[in-house]
């Protein structure tokens, strides 16, 4: 996954991409990088198809939608 490979470089470049534009969701990317550095190989990234019935992905989608719904109120 590109994000996994690029977070170190983005951090070194002040959270800027190669084209000089800022990285989207910098705060989340920094948090993910921090967790990766802290937990090392205990974090495993796996790309899954969205809305394909993958239980963990469906649960994550459900949680995100609840948060978004609560923020709209």
Protein backbone atom coordinates (compact mmCIF):
# COMPACT_ATOMS: atom_id res chain seq x y z
CA UNK A 1 0.00 0.00 0.00
CA UNK A 2 1.36 3.37 -0.99
CA UNK A 3 0.45 5.02 2.30
CA UNK A 4 2.51 2.52 4.27
CA UNK A 5 5.53 3.00 2.04
CA UNK A 6 5.30 6.77 1.86
CA UNK A 7 4.50 7.90 5.42
CA UNK A 8 8.16 8.03 6.45
CA UNK A 9 9.05 10.19 3.45
CA UNK A 10 6.06 12.46 3.98
CA UNK A 11 7.05 12.98 7.61
CA UNK A 12 10.64 13.83 6.60
CA UNK A 13 9.30 16.32 4.02
CA UNK A 14 7.05 18.14 6.48
CA UNK A 15 3.99 16.15 5.38
CA UNK A 16 4.37 17.29 1.78
CA UNK A 17 4.09 15.04 -1.26
CA UNK A 18 6.72 14.95 -4.00
CA UNK A 19 4.75 17.58 -5.92
CA UNK A 20 4.94 19.92 -2.90
CA UNK A 21 1.24 19.63 -2.08
CA UNK A 22 0.24 18.80 1.49
CA UNK A 23 -0.64 15.22 2.39
CA UNK A 24 -4.37 14.83 2.95
CA UNK A 25 -5.37 13.87 6.49
CA UNK A 26 -1.91 14.65 7.84
CA UNK A 27 -3.04 14.18 11.43
CA UNK A 28 -4.31 10.68 10.70
CA UNK A 29 -1.22 9.74 8.70
CA UNK A 30 1.01 10.94 11.55
CA UNK A 31 -0.98 8.92 14.06
CA UNK A 32 -0.76 5.80 11.89
CA UNK A 33 3.00 6.28 11.49
CA UNK A 34 3.38 6.70 15.25
CA UNK A 35 1.48 3.48 15.89
CA UNK A 36 3.52 1.66 13.26
CA UNK A 37 6.76 2.83 14.88
CA UNK A 38 5.51 1.89 18.35
CA UNK A 39 4.00 -1.49 17.49
CA UNK A 40 6.21 -2.51 14.58
CA UNK A 41 5.32 -5.77 12.93
CA UNK A 42 2.28 -6.29 15.13
CA UNK A 43 0.41 -4.04 12.68
CA UNK A 44 -0.50 -5.74 9.44
CA UNK A 45 -2.02 -3.82 6.56
CA UNK A 46 -4.28 -5.66 4.17
CA UNK A 47 -6.12 -4.12 1.25
CA UNK A 48 -9.71 -5.31 0.96
CA UNK A 49 -12.45 -4.47 -1.51
CA UNK A 50 -14.90 -1.99 -0.08
CA UNK A 51 -18.52 -3.02 0.40
CA UNK A 52 -17.69 -6.62 -0.46
CA UNK A 53 -18.96 -8.24 2.73
CA UNK A 54 -15.61 -8.35 4.57
CA UNK A 55 -16.73 -8.35 8.22
CA UNK A 56 -14.04 -6.06 9.65
CA UNK A 57 -14.32 -3.63 6.77
CA UNK A 58 -18.11 -3.54 7.04
CA UNK A 59 -17.81 -2.82 10.79
CA UNK A 60 -15.32 -0.03 10.14
CA UNK A 61 -17.68 1.45 7.56
CA UNK A 62 -20.56 1.27 10.05
CA UNK A 63 -18.52 3.06 12.73
CA UNK A 64 -17.38 5.76 10.31
CA UNK A 65 -20.93 6.40 9.15
CA UNK A 66 -22.14 6.72 12.75
CA UNK A 67 -19.43 9.28 13.48
CA UNK A 68 -20.29 11.22 10.34
CA UNK A 69 -24.00 11.14 11.18
CA UNK A 70 -23.29 12.43 14.70
CA UNK A 71 -21.13 15.26 13.35
CA UNK A 72 -23.91 16.42 11.02
CA UNK A 73 -26.34 16.93 13.90
